[in-house]
Amino acid sequence: MTAGQDDTGERPARTLHAGERRLISEDTIMATISYAGYGVWNSTNDVTSKVSQQYANKQREFWANNGDYGDPAPGERKYLYIVWNSNGVDSGVVGEDDSRGIVLP
């Protein structure tokens, strides 16, 4: 066993913190992003193309933040929601300052 490995010889999963991005290997199943929106109530940006681009660049965990998606509702807490298809339709939502992001396959 080498440093950083558990008793099975595998490296344990590491918790990601806000702003960190998870990258994946080439052999992972790909999803199709159907829709992504960022905002609150009627002040929402369609960020489907941005999320699709991030996903194509191997990002798999997504966080709600103005830096990536703009600020459609200044002073309000915004949410990122993503609808995707990967052997069935699935979706996720995350708010600004949430401790976990949306993880796609």
N, C-alpha and C. Protein backbone atom coordinates (compact mmCIF):
# COMPACT_ATOMS: atom_id res chain seq x y z
N MET A 1 0.86 -1.17 0.00
CA MET A 1 0.00 0.00 0.00
C MET A 1 0.90 1.24 0.00
N THR A 2 0.56 2.19 -0.87
CA THR A 2 1.34 3.42 -0.93
C THR A 2 0.58 4.55 -0.24
N ALA A 3 1.27 5.65 -0.03
CA ALA A 3 0.64 6.79 0.65
C ALA A 3 -0.61 7.23 -0.10
N GLY A 4 -1.67 7.53 0.63
CA GLY A 4 -2.90 8.02 0.03
C GLY A 4 -3.85 6.93 -0.42
N GLN A 5 -3.49 5.64 -0.22
CA GLN A 5 -4.37 4.54 -0.62
C GLN A 5 -4.98 3.90 0.61
N ASP A 6 -6.19 3.32 0.43
CA ASP A 6 -6.80 2.59 1.54
C ASP A 6 -6.35 1.14 1.48
N ASP A 7 -6.93 0.27 2.32
CA ASP A 7 -6.48 -1.11 2.38
C ASP A 7 -6.85 -1.93 1.15
N THR A 8 -7.66 -1.38 0.22
CA THR A 8 -7.95 -2.08 -1.03
C THR A 8 -7.00 -1.66 -2.13
N GLY A 9 -6.12 -0.71 -1.83
CA GLY A 9 -5.19 -0.21 -2.84
C GLY A 9 -5.77 0.95 -3.64
N GLU A 10 -7.00 1.35 -3.33
CA GLU A 10 -7.65 2.46 -4.05
C GLU A 10 -7.48 3.75 -3.28
N ARG A 11 -7.45 4.85 -4.02
CA ARG A 11 -7.45 6.15 -3.36
C ARG A 11 -8.88 6.47 -2.95
N PRO A 12 -9.09 6.87 -1.69
CA PRO A 12 -10.45 7.20 -1.26
C PRO A 12 -10.95 8.45 -1.97
N ALA A 13 -12.28 8.55 -2.14
CA ALA A 13 -12.87 9.73 -2.77
C ALA A 13 -12.60 10.94 -1.90
N ARG A 14 -12.36 12.06 -2.54
CA ARG A 14 -12.09 13.30 -1.83
C ARG A 14 -13.31 14.21 -1.96
N THR A 15 -13.70 14.85 -0.88
CA THR A 15 -14.81 15.78 -0.91
C THR A 15 -14.37 17.04 -1.65
N LEU A 16 -15.21 17.49 -2.59
CA LEU A 16 -14.93 18.73 -3.30
C LEU A 16 -15.51 19.90 -2.54
N HIS A 17 -14.86 21.02 -2.63
CA HIS A 17 -15.32 22.24 -1.98
C HIS A 17 -15.77 23.23 -3.05
N ALA A 18 -16.55 24.22 -2.66
CA ALA A 18 -17.07 25.21 -3.60
C ALA A 18 -15.94 25.75 -4.47
N GLY A 19 -16.19 25.78 -5.76
CA GLY A 19 -15.22 26.31 -6.71
C GLY A 19 -14.31 25.26 -7.31
N GLU A 20 -14.16 24.09 -6.68
CA GLU A 20 -13.35 23.03 -7.25
C GLU A 20 -14.14 22.32 -8.33
N ARG A 21 -13.46 21.78 -9.32
CA ARG A 21 -14.11 21.10 -10.42
C ARG A 21 -13.61 19.67 -10.50
N ARG A 22 -14.50 18.72 -10.78
CA ARG A 22 -14.15 17.33 -10.92
C ARG A 22 -14.00 17.02 -12.41
N LEU A 23 -12.87 16.44 -12.80
CA LEU A 23 -12.65 16.02 -14.18
C LEU A 23 -12.76 14.50 -14.25
N ILE A 24 -13.12 13.98 -15.41
CA ILE A 24 -13.37 12.55 -15.55
C ILE A 24 -12.49 11.97 -16.65
N SER A 25 -12.46 10.65 -16.73
CA SER A 25 -11.68 9.98 -17.75
C SER A 25 -12.51 9.81 -19.02
N GLU A 26 -11.85 9.44 -20.11
CA GLU A 26 -12.50 9.31 -21.41
C GLU A 26 -13.53 8.20 -21.47
N ASP A 27 -13.45 7.17 -20.60
CA ASP A 27 -14.33 6.01 -20.70
C ASP A 27 -15.63 6.15 -19.91
N THR A 28 -15.93 7.33 -19.38
CA THR A 28 -17.15 7.56 -18.63
C THR A 28 -18.34 7.75 -19.56
N ILE A 29 -19.52 7.27 -19.16
CA ILE A 29 -20.74 7.42 -19.95
C ILE A 29 -21.07 8.90 -20.07
N MET A 30 -21.41 9.32 -21.28
CA MET A 30 -21.74 10.71 -21.54
C MET A 30 -23.24 10.94 -21.41
N ALA A 31 -23.61 12.09 -20.91
CA ALA A 31 -25.01 12.50 -20.82
C ALA A 31 -25.26 13.59 -21.85
N THR A 32 -26.52 13.80 -22.18
CA THR A 32 -26.92 14.89 -23.05
C THR A 32 -27.63 15.93 -22.19
N ILE A 33 -27.16 17.16 -22.23
CA ILE A 33 -27.78 18.23 -21.46
C ILE A 33 -29.01 18.70 -22.24
N SER A 34 -30.20 18.55 -21.66
CA SER A 34 -31.44 18.98 -22.30
C SER A 34 -31.72 20.45 -22.04
N TYR A 35 -31.49 20.89 -20.81
CA TYR A 35 -31.74 22.28 -20.45
C TYR A 35 -31.00 22.60 -19.17
N ALA A 36 -30.52 23.83 -19.07
CA ALA A 36 -29.93 24.33 -17.83
C ALA A 36 -30.34 25.79 -17.67
N GLY A 37 -30.72 26.14 -16.47
CA GLY A 37 -31.11 27.52 -16.17
C GLY A 37 -30.46 27.97 -14.89
N TYR A 38 -30.24 29.29 -14.79
CA TYR A 38 -29.63 29.86 -13.60
C TYR A 38 -30.38 31.13 -13.23
N GLY A 39 -30.85 31.21 -12.00
CA GLY A 39 -31.53 32.41 -11.54
C GLY A 39 -32.52 32.07 -10.45
N VAL A 40 -33.55 32.91 -10.36
CA VAL A 40 -34.60 32.73 -9.36
C VAL A 40 -35.88 33.32 -9.92
N TRP A 41 -36.99 32.66 -9.64
CA TRP A 41 -38.32 33.08 -10.10
C TRP A 41 -38.32 33.37 -11.60
N ASN A 42 -38.75 34.57 -11.98
CA ASN A 42 -38.82 34.92 -13.40
C ASN A 42 -37.55 35.58 -13.92
N SER A 43 -36.52 35.63 -13.11
CA SER A 43 -35.23 36.20 -13.52
C SER A 43 -34.23 35.07 -13.68
N THR A 44 -34.30 34.40 -14.82
CA THR A 44 -33.49 33.20 -15.05
C THR A 44 -32.78 33.29 -16.40
N ASN A 45 -31.51 32.94 -16.43
CA ASN A 45 -30.75 32.86 -17.67
C ASN A 45 -30.78 31.42 -18.19
N ASP A 46 -30.96 31.26 -19.49
CA ASP A 46 -30.80 29.95 -20.13
C ASP A 46 -29.30 29.73 -20.30
N VAL A 47 -28.75 28.79 -19.54
CA VAL A 47 -27.31 28.53 -19.58
C VAL A 47 -27.01 27.15 -20.15
N THR A 48 -27.94 26.64 -20.96
CA THR A 48 -27.77 25.29 -21.54
C THR A 48 -26.47 25.18 -22.33
N SER A 49 -26.18 26.15 -23.18
CA SER A 49 -24.97 26.04 -24.00
C SER A 49 -23.71 26.12 -23.14
N LYS A 50 -23.71 26.96 -22.10
CA LYS A 50 -22.55 27.07 -21.21
C LYS A 50 -22.31 25.77 -20.45
N VAL A 51 -23.38 25.20 -19.87
CA VAL A 51 -23.25 23.94 -19.14
C VAL A 51 -22.83 22.82 -20.08
N SER A 52 -23.39 22.79 -21.29
CA SER A 52 -23.01 21.77 -22.28
C SER A 52 -21.53 21.88 -22.64
N GLN A 53 -21.03 23.11 -22.77
CA GLN A 53 -19.62 23.33 -23.07
C GLN A 53 -18.75 22.87 -21.91
N GLN A 54 -19.13 23.20 -20.69
CA GLN A 54 -18.37 22.76 -19.51
C GLN A 54 -18.37 21.24 -19.43
N TYR A 55 -19.52 20.62 -19.71
CA TYR A 55 -19.62 19.16 -19.68
C TYR A 55 -18.74 18.53 -20.76
N ALA A 56 -18.75 19.10 -21.94
CA ALA A 56 -17.90 18.59 -23.04
C ALA A 56 -16.42 18.70 -22.68
N ASN A 57 -16.08 19.66 -21.84
CA ASN A 57 -14.70 19.83 -21.37
C ASN A 57 -14.40 19.02 -20.12
N LYS A 58 -15.26 18.02 -19.86
CA LYS A 58 -15.09 17.03 -18.80
C LYS A 58 -15.39 17.51 -17.39
N GLN A 59 -16.06 18.64 -17.25
CA GLN A 59 -16.52 19.05 -15.91
C GLN A 59 -17.73 18.20 -15.58
N ARG A 60 -17.80 17.66 -14.37
CA ARG A 60 -18.92 16.82 -13.98
C ARG A 60 -19.64 17.29 -12.72
N GLU A 61 -19.08 18.24 -12.01
CA GLU A 61 -19.77 18.80 -10.85
C GLU A 61 -19.99 20.28 -11.12
N PHE A 62 -21.23 20.74 -10.90
CA PHE A 62 -21.63 22.09 -11.26
C PHE A 62 -22.14 22.81 -10.02
N TRP A 63 -21.73 24.07 -9.87
CA TRP A 63 -22.08 24.90 -8.73
C TRP A 63 -22.83 26.13 -9.21
N ALA A 64 -23.74 26.63 -8.42
CA ALA A 64 -24.47 27.86 -8.73
C ALA A 64 -23.57 29.05 -8.39
N ASN A 65 -23.19 29.82 -9.41
CA ASN A 65 -22.38 31.01 -9.14
C ASN A 65 -22.50 32.02 -10.27
N ASN A 66 -22.44 33.29 -9.91
CA ASN A 66 -22.55 34.37 -10.88
C ASN A 66 -21.37 34.42 -11.83
N GLY A 67 -20.20 33.96 -11.39
CA GLY A 67 -19.00 34.00 -12.23
C GLY A 67 -19.16 33.18 -13.50
N ASP A 68 -19.80 32.04 -13.41
CA ASP A 68 -20.00 31.19 -14.58
C ASP A 68 -21.24 31.56 -15.37
N TYR A 69 -22.29 32.00 -14.71
CA TYR A 69 -23.61 32.09 -15.36
C TYR A 69 -24.25 33.47 -15.36
N GLY A 70 -23.53 34.51 -14.92
CA GLY A 70 -24.10 35.85 -14.89
C GLY A 70 -24.93 36.07 -13.64
N ASP A 71 -25.49 37.25 -13.51
CA ASP A 71 -26.31 37.57 -12.34
C ASP A 71 -27.66 38.11 -12.79
N PRO A 72 -28.62 37.22 -13.03
CA PRO A 72 -29.92 37.66 -13.52
C PRO A 72 -30.81 38.31 -12.45
N ALA A 73 -30.43 38.19 -11.17
CA ALA A 73 -31.25 38.73 -10.09
C ALA A 73 -30.34 39.25 -8.98
N PRO A 74 -29.74 40.43 -9.18
CA PRO A 74 -28.85 40.97 -8.15
C PRO A 74 -29.52 41.03 -6.77
N GLY A 75 -28.77 40.60 -5.76
CA GLY A 75 -29.27 40.63 -4.40
C GLY A 75 -30.12 39.44 -4.00
N GLU A 76 -30.49 38.59 -4.93
CA GLU A 76 -31.30 37.40 -4.65
C GLU A 76 -30.42 36.16 -4.67
N ARG A 77 -30.78 35.14 -3.91
CA ARG A 77 -30.09 33.85 -3.96
C ARG A 77 -30.54 33.11 -5.22
N LYS A 78 -29.57 32.76 -6.08
CA LYS A 78 -29.88 32.09 -7.35
C LYS A 78 -29.68 30.58 -7.24
N TYR A 79 -30.28 29.88 -8.22
CA TYR A 79 -30.21 28.42 -8.29
C TYR A 79 -29.82 28.01 -9.70
N LEU A 80 -29.01 26.97 -9.79
CA LEU A 80 -28.68 26.34 -11.07
C LEU A 80 -29.46 25.05 -11.15
N TYR A 81 -30.19 24.86 -12.22
CA TYR A 81 -30.87 23.58 -12.41
C TYR A 81 -30.51 23.04 -13.78
N ILE A 82 -30.31 21.73 -13.83
CA ILE A 82 -29.86 21.05 -15.05
C ILE A 82 -30.75 19.84 -15.27
N VAL A 83 -31.20 19.66 -16.51
CA VAL A 83 -31.95 18.47 -16.93
C VAL A 83 -31.06 17.77 -17.96
N TRP A 84 -30.82 16.47 -17.76
CA TRP A 84 -29.97 15.72 -18.68
C TRP A 84 -30.55 14.34 -18.94
N ASN A 85 -30.03 13.70 -19.98
CA ASN A 85 -30.43 12.35 -20.34
C ASN A 85 -29.19 11.47 -20.42
N SER A 86 -29.20 10.41 -19.63
CA SER A 86 -28.14 9.41 -19.64
C SER A 86 -28.80 8.10 -19.23
N ASN A 87 -29.33 7.39 -20.23
CA ASN A 87 -30.13 6.19 -19.96
C ASN A 87 -31.36 6.53 -19.13
N GLY A 88 -32.01 7.61 -19.47
CA GLY A 88 -33.18 8.09 -18.76
C GLY A 88 -33.00 9.55 -18.40
N VAL A 89 -34.08 10.26 -18.23
CA VAL A 89 -34.03 11.68 -17.91
C VAL A 89 -33.80 11.86 -16.42
N ASP A 90 -32.93 12.78 -16.08
CA ASP A 90 -32.64 13.09 -14.69
C ASP A 90 -32.47 14.59 -14.57
N SER A 91 -32.48 15.09 -13.35
CA SER A 91 -32.29 16.52 -13.15
C SER A 91 -31.70 16.77 -11.77
N GLY A 92 -31.17 17.97 -11.59
CA GLY A 92 -30.63 18.37 -10.32
C GLY A 92 -30.71 19.87 -10.16
N VAL A 93 -30.67 20.32 -8.92
CA VAL A 93 -30.70 21.75 -8.62
C VAL A 93 -29.74 22.02 -7.47
N VAL A 94 -29.07 23.18 -7.53
CA VAL A 94 -28.16 23.59 -6.47
C VAL A 94 -28.28 25.10 -6.32
N GLY A 95 -28.24 25.56 -5.07
CA GLY A 95 -28.31 26.98 -4.79
C GLY A 95 -26.95 27.57 -4.52
N GLU A 96 -26.86 28.89 -4.66
CA GLU A 96 -25.61 29.57 -4.29
C GLU A 96 -25.26 29.23 -2.85
N ASP A 97 -23.98 29.01 -2.61
CA ASP A 97 -23.45 28.72 -1.27
C ASP A 97 -23.83 27.35 -0.75
N ASP A 98 -24.45 26.48 -1.55
CA ASP A 98 -24.69 25.11 -1.13
C ASP A 98 -23.36 24.37 -1.00
N SER A 99 -23.29 23.40 -0.11
CA SER A 99 -22.04 22.70 0.14
C SER A 99 -21.74 21.61 -0.89
N ARG A 100 -22.74 21.24 -1.70
CA ARG A 100 -22.53 20.24 -2.73
C ARG A 100 -23.05 20.78 -4.05
N GLY A 101 -22.45 20.32 -5.15
CA GLY A 101 -22.90 20.72 -6.47
C GLY A 101 -23.74 19.62 -7.11
N ILE A 102 -24.18 19.86 -8.33
CA ILE A 102 -24.89 18.84 -9.12
C ILE A 102 -23.82 17.99 -9.78
N VAL A 103 -23.88 16.67 -9.61
CA VAL A 103 -22.91 15.77 -10.20
C VAL A 103 -23.58 15.00 -11.33
N LEU A 104 -23.02 15.13 -12.54
CA LEU A 104 -23.53 14.43 -13.71
C LEU A 104 -22.64 13.23 -14.00
N PRO A 105 -23.21 12.21 -14.68
CA PRO A 105 -22.41 11.02 -15.02
C PRO A 105 -21.34 11.35 -16.06
